[in-house]
Amino acid sequence: MTIYNKGSALIREVRDVSIKVAHEPFELIYEDVPSTIVPTSLQVASTSAGFRILEQNYEYHLINTKNLLDKYLGKELVVGIPEDLRARPALVRCCSRLQGFF
């Protein structure tokens, strides 16, 4: 770690990830990244096998009801219902009225 004036720091972190051979593009998600990171400072490289990065995004969302529901718009959900019944509805719209519900 290198600490600079005005509160900036440079941190080199190596994360080991095992990836099976993929013939299709896939998504790799890194969690527990500080919210204050400079997104353009992220670098991804392989130490063993060659690969190409097709797209790199840094998505930072505070967890709240609206952001959580927005993340699952149009996706299938498993909803727990009393007596172990299961339903698989899709969230098609989120409204502000739900924010106080949870």
Protein backbone atom coordinates (compact mmCIF):
# COMPACT_ATOMS: atom_id res chain seq x y z
CA MET A 1 0.00 0.00 0.00
CA THR A 2 1.23 3.47 -0.89
CA ILE A 3 -0.44 6.45 0.79
CA TYR A 4 -0.38 9.84 -0.94
CA ASN A 5 -1.22 13.35 0.24
CA LYS A 6 -4.89 14.37 0.40
CA GLY A 7 -6.05 10.90 1.47
CA SER A 8 -5.34 8.94 -1.72
CA ALA A 9 -3.81 5.47 -1.58
CA LEU A 10 -2.61 2.87 -4.06
CA ILE A 11 -3.39 -0.72 -3.12
CA ARG A 12 -2.23 -3.72 -5.08
CA GLU A 13 -4.49 -6.69 -4.47
CA VAL A 14 -4.28 -10.08 -6.12
CA ARG A 15 -7.33 -12.33 -6.14
CA ASP A 16 -7.05 -15.93 -7.26
CA VAL A 17 -9.93 -17.13 -9.41
CA SER A 18 -10.29 -20.54 -11.01
CA ILE A 19 -12.15 -20.36 -14.31
CA LYS A 20 -13.29 -23.36 -16.31
CA VAL A 21 -12.69 -23.26 -20.05
CA ALA A 22 -15.52 -21.22 -21.52
CA HIS A 23 -16.38 -20.98 -25.18
CA GLU A 24 -18.93 -18.25 -24.55
CA PRO A 25 -18.41 -14.89 -22.84
CA PHE A 26 -19.24 -15.00 -19.14
CA GLU A 27 -19.55 -12.58 -16.26
CA LEU A 28 -17.07 -12.53 -13.39
CA ILE A 29 -18.12 -10.53 -10.33
CA TYR A 30 -15.71 -9.25 -7.68
CA GLU A 31 -17.36 -8.31 -4.41
CA ASP A 32 -16.13 -6.36 -1.39
CA VAL A 33 -14.52 -3.60 -3.45
CA PRO A 34 -14.36 -0.23 -1.63
CA SER A 35 -16.95 2.31 -2.75
CA THR A 36 -14.25 4.98 -3.00
CA ILE A 37 -12.23 3.15 -5.66
CA VAL A 38 -11.42 4.98 -8.89
CA PRO A 39 -13.08 2.72 -11.52
CA THR A 40 -10.49 3.54 -14.21
CA SER A 41 -7.74 2.23 -11.92
CA LEU A 42 -9.01 -1.37 -12.03
CA GLN A 43 -6.81 -3.78 -13.98
CA VAL A 44 -7.48 -7.44 -14.72
CA ALA A 45 -4.77 -9.82 -15.93
CA SER A 46 -4.10 -13.54 -16.12
CA THR A 47 -0.96 -15.09 -14.69
CA SER A 48 -1.43 -18.44 -16.42
CA ALA A 49 -3.79 -18.57 -19.41
CA GLY A 50 -4.50 -15.97 -22.01
CA PHE A 51 -7.94 -14.42 -22.17
CA ARG A 52 -9.59 -11.30 -23.51
CA ILE A 53 -11.64 -8.82 -21.56
CA LEU A 54 -14.59 -7.90 -23.74
CA GLU A 55 -16.09 -5.44 -21.29
CA GLN A 56 -15.20 -4.19 -17.82
CA ASN A 57 -17.73 -2.36 -15.65
CA TYR A 58 -17.68 -1.07 -12.13
CA GLU A 59 -21.20 -1.01 -10.71
CA TYR A 60 -21.58 0.62 -7.33
CA HIS A 61 -25.05 0.64 -5.85
CA LEU A 62 -25.96 1.34 -2.28
CA ILE A 63 -28.23 -1.39 -0.98
CA ASN A 64 -31.73 -0.13 -0.46
CA THR A 65 -35.16 -1.47 -1.34
CA LYS A 66 -35.44 0.37 -4.67
CA ASN A 67 -31.97 -0.63 -5.94
CA LEU A 68 -32.51 -4.23 -4.86
CA LEU A 69 -35.88 -4.45 -6.63
CA ASP A 70 -34.54 -2.65 -9.74
CA LYS A 71 -31.76 -5.25 -10.01
CA TYR A 72 -34.36 -8.01 -10.46
CA LEU A 73 -36.78 -6.28 -12.84
CA GLY A 74 -37.92 -8.78 -15.47
CA LYS A 75 -36.17 -11.71 -13.76
CA GLU A 76 -37.74 -14.77 -12.21
CA LEU A 77 -38.03 -14.65 -8.42
CA VAL A 78 -38.57 -17.39 -5.87
CA VAL A 79 -40.92 -16.09 -3.19
CA GLY A 80 -41.32 -17.88 0.12
CA ILE A 81 -44.99 -18.38 1.00
CA PRO A 82 -46.31 -19.84 4.28
CA GLU A 83 -46.64 -23.64 4.41
CA ASP A 84 -43.68 -24.12 2.03
CA LEU A 85 -45.62 -23.18 -1.10
CA ARG A 86 -43.49 -21.70 -3.89
CA ALA A 87 -44.37 -19.21 -6.59
CA ARG A 88 -42.17 -17.93 -9.42
CA PRO A 89 -43.46 -14.48 -10.34
CA ALA A 90 -41.46 -11.91 -12.32
CA LEU A 91 -41.05 -8.38 -11.00
CA VAL A 92 -42.28 -6.21 -13.87
CA ARG A 93 -42.34 -2.80 -12.22
CA CYS A 94 -41.09 -1.17 -9.06
CA CYS A 95 -42.81 1.76 -7.46
CA SER A 96 -41.92 4.07 -4.58
CA ARG A 97 -44.92 2.80 -2.58
CA LEU A 98 -43.00 -0.42 -1.89
CA GLN A 99 -40.08 1.34 -0.20
CA GLY A 100 -41.80 1.60 3.17
CA PHE A 101 -43.15 -1.94 2.92
CA PHE A 102 -39.89 -3.74 3.75
